[in-house]
């Protein structure tokens, strides 16, 4: 009976240590700002759906942006970079 109590105390202490370490690591990772890009894509349809294409890009940009954590490269800057890659 005493062995199970000691085992539970050790297990509980180990769990607390793991939670503290996980919290410390996640805090350290949160300080790094990530950069993302929403690459252009094409819609294959019989009719012109460019307004939906632009709306999806805007939606992804607004949903993926997270101040002090995630920065999404603006569409104009991304187009400039892609055009220079295409001419090289």
C-alpha atoms as a PDB file:
ATOM      1  CA  UNK A   1       0.000   0.000   0.000  1.00  0.00           C
ATOM      2  CA  UNK A   2       2.809   2.429   0.871  1.00  0.00           C
ATOM      3  CA  UNK A   3       4.541   1.584  -2.409  1.00  0.00           C
ATOM      4  CA  UNK A   4       1.547   2.773  -4.440  1.00  0.00           C
ATOM      5  CA  UNK A   5       1.359   6.023  -2.461  1.00  0.00           C
ATOM      6  CA  UNK A   6       5.050   6.687  -3.049  1.00  0.00           C
ATOM      7  CA  UNK A   7       4.645   5.748  -6.714  1.00  0.00           C
ATOM      8  CA  UNK A   8       1.710   8.169  -7.092  1.00  0.00           C
ATOM      9  CA  UNK A   9       3.669  10.973  -5.441  1.00  0.00           C
ATOM     10  CA  UNK A  10       6.637  10.397  -7.763  1.00  0.00           C
ATOM     11  CA  UNK A  11       4.337  10.224 -10.771  1.00  0.00           C
ATOM     12  CA  UNK A  12       2.567  13.419  -9.731  1.00  0.00           C
ATOM     13  CA  UNK A  13       5.896  15.240  -9.202  1.00  0.00           C
ATOM     14  CA  UNK A  14       7.133  14.073 -12.612  1.00  0.00           C
ATOM     15  CA  UNK A  15       3.911  15.276 -14.218  1.00  0.00           C
ATOM     16  CA  UNK A  16       4.260  18.703 -12.607  1.00  0.00           C
ATOM     17  CA  UNK A  17       7.877  18.954 -13.807  1.00  0.00           C
ATOM     18  CA  UNK A  18       6.867  18.001 -17.337  1.00  0.00           C
ATOM     19  CA  UNK A  19       4.102  20.618 -17.356  1.00  0.00           C
ATOM     20  CA  UNK A  20       6.485  23.306 -16.128  1.00  0.00           C
ATOM     21  CA  UNK A  21       9.063  22.411 -18.777  1.00  0.00           C
ATOM     22  CA  UNK A  22       6.431  22.365 -21.513  1.00  0.00           C
ATOM     23  CA  UNK A  23       5.160  25.786 -20.430  1.00  0.00           C
ATOM     24  CA  UNK A  24       8.701  27.174 -20.417  1.00  0.00           C
ATOM     25  CA  UNK A  25       9.441  25.801 -23.882  1.00  0.00           C
ATOM     26  CA  UNK A  26       6.193  27.106 -25.342  1.00  0.00           C
ATOM     27  CA  UNK A  27       6.886  30.560 -23.887  1.00  0.00           C
ATOM     28  CA  UNK A  28      10.326  30.564 -25.473  1.00  0.00           C
ATOM     29  CA  UNK A  29       8.846  29.569 -28.822  1.00  0.00           C
ATOM     30  CA  UNK A  30       6.147  32.246 -28.595  1.00  0.00           C
ATOM     31  CA  UNK A  31       8.796  34.962 -28.593  1.00  0.00           C
ATOM     32  CA  UNK A  32       9.928  33.967 -32.094  1.00  0.00           C
ATOM     33  CA  UNK A  33       7.959  35.725 -34.820  1.00  0.00           C
ATOM     34  CA  UNK A  34       7.136  33.437 -37.746  1.00  0.00           C
ATOM     35  CA  UNK A  35       6.789  34.650 -41.327  1.00  0.00           C
ATOM     36  CA  UNK A  36       4.338  33.085 -43.768  1.00  0.00           C
ATOM     37  CA  UNK A  37       3.307  33.675 -47.356  1.00  0.00           C
ATOM     38  CA  UNK A  38       0.029  32.890 -49.088  1.00  0.00           C
ATOM     39  CA  UNK A  39       1.135  31.838 -52.558  1.00  0.00           C
ATOM     40  CA  UNK A  40      -1.038  32.739 -55.537  1.00  0.00           C
ATOM     41  CA  UNK A  41      -3.204  30.029 -57.005  1.00  0.00           C
ATOM     42  CA  UNK A  42      -5.536  29.596 -59.950  1.00  0.00           C
ATOM     43  CA  UNK A  43      -9.182  28.644 -60.012  1.00  0.00           C
ATOM     44  CA  UNK A  44     -10.160  26.304 -62.819  1.00  0.00           C
ATOM     45  CA  UNK A  45     -13.767  27.142 -63.695  1.00  0.00           C
ATOM     46  CA  UNK A  46     -15.858  27.975 -66.752  1.00  0.00           C
ATOM     47  CA  UNK A  47     -16.668  31.446 -65.476  1.00  0.00           C
ATOM     48  CA  UNK A  48     -14.505  34.271 -64.092  1.00  0.00           C
ATOM     49  CA  UNK A  49     -14.122  33.796 -60.331  1.00  0.00           C
ATOM     50  CA  UNK A  50     -11.256  36.235 -59.750  1.00  0.00           C
ATOM     51  CA  UNK A  51     -13.267  37.987 -57.026  1.00  0.00           C
ATOM     52  CA  UNK A  52     -13.406  34.700 -55.086  1.00  0.00           C
ATOM     53  CA  UNK A  53      -9.693  34.171 -55.637  1.00  0.00           C
ATOM     54  CA  UNK A  54      -8.903  37.619 -54.216  1.00  0.00           C
ATOM     55  CA  UNK A  55     -11.340  37.092 -51.355  1.00  0.00           C
ATOM     56  CA  UNK A  56      -9.730  33.789 -50.371  1.00  0.00           C
ATOM     57  CA  UNK A  57      -6.267  35.359 -50.375  1.00  0.00           C
ATOM     58  CA  UNK A  58      -7.528  38.235 -48.210  1.00  0.00           C
ATOM     59  CA  UNK A  59      -9.310  35.819 -45.859  1.00  0.00           C
ATOM     60  CA  UNK A  60      -6.202  33.668 -45.423  1.00  0.00           C
ATOM     61  CA  UNK A  61      -4.075  36.768 -44.843  1.00  0.00           C
ATOM     62  CA  UNK A  62      -6.402  38.082 -42.138  1.00  0.00           C
ATOM     63  CA  UNK A  63      -6.916  34.699 -40.437  1.00  0.00           C
ATOM     64  CA  UNK A  64      -3.254  33.679 -40.400  1.00  0.00           C
ATOM     65  CA  UNK A  65      -1.918  37.020 -39.121  1.00  0.00           C
ATOM     66  CA  UNK A  66      -1.271  37.020 -35.382  1.00  0.00           C
ATOM     67  CA  UNK A  67       0.345  40.097 -33.869  1.00  0.00           C
ATOM     68  CA  UNK A  68       3.789  39.415 -32.320  1.00  0.00           C
ATOM     69  CA  UNK A  69       3.601  35.741 -33.391  1.00  0.00           C
ATOM     70  CA  UNK A  70       2.905  35.346 -37.129  1.00  0.00           C
ATOM     71  CA  UNK A  71       3.557  37.847 -39.920  1.00  0.00           C
ATOM     72  CA  UNK A  72       2.049  37.174 -43.344  1.00  0.00           C
ATOM     73  CA  UNK A  73       3.903  38.694 -46.284  1.00  0.00           C
ATOM     74  CA  UNK A  74       1.632  41.201 -48.074  1.00  0.00           C
ATOM     75  CA  UNK A  75       0.355  40.250 -51.537  1.00  0.00           C
ATOM     76  CA  UNK A  76       2.138  43.127 -53.349  1.00  0.00           C
ATOM     77  CA  UNK A  77       5.503  42.339 -51.804  1.00  0.00           C
ATOM     78  CA  UNK A  78       5.050  38.669 -52.631  1.00  0.00           C
ATOM     79  CA  UNK A  79       4.122  39.476 -56.256  1.00  0.00           C
ATOM     80  CA  UNK A  80       7.260  41.619 -56.607  1.00  0.00           C
ATOM     81  CA  UNK A  81       9.416  38.767 -55.310  1.00  0.00           C
ATOM     82  CA  UNK A  82       7.735  36.201 -57.550  1.00  0.00           C
ATOM     83  CA  UNK A  83       8.075  38.426 -60.634  1.00  0.00           C
ATOM     84  CA  UNK A  84      11.830  38.791 -60.042  1.00  0.00           C
ATOM     85  CA  UNK A  85      12.116  35.017 -59.698  1.00  0.00           C
ATOM     86  CA  UNK A  86      10.239  34.546 -62.964  1.00  0.00           C
ATOM     87  CA  UNK A  87      12.560  36.847 -64.914  1.00  0.00           C
ATOM     88  CA  UNK A  88      15.761  35.328 -63.559  1.00  0.00           C
END
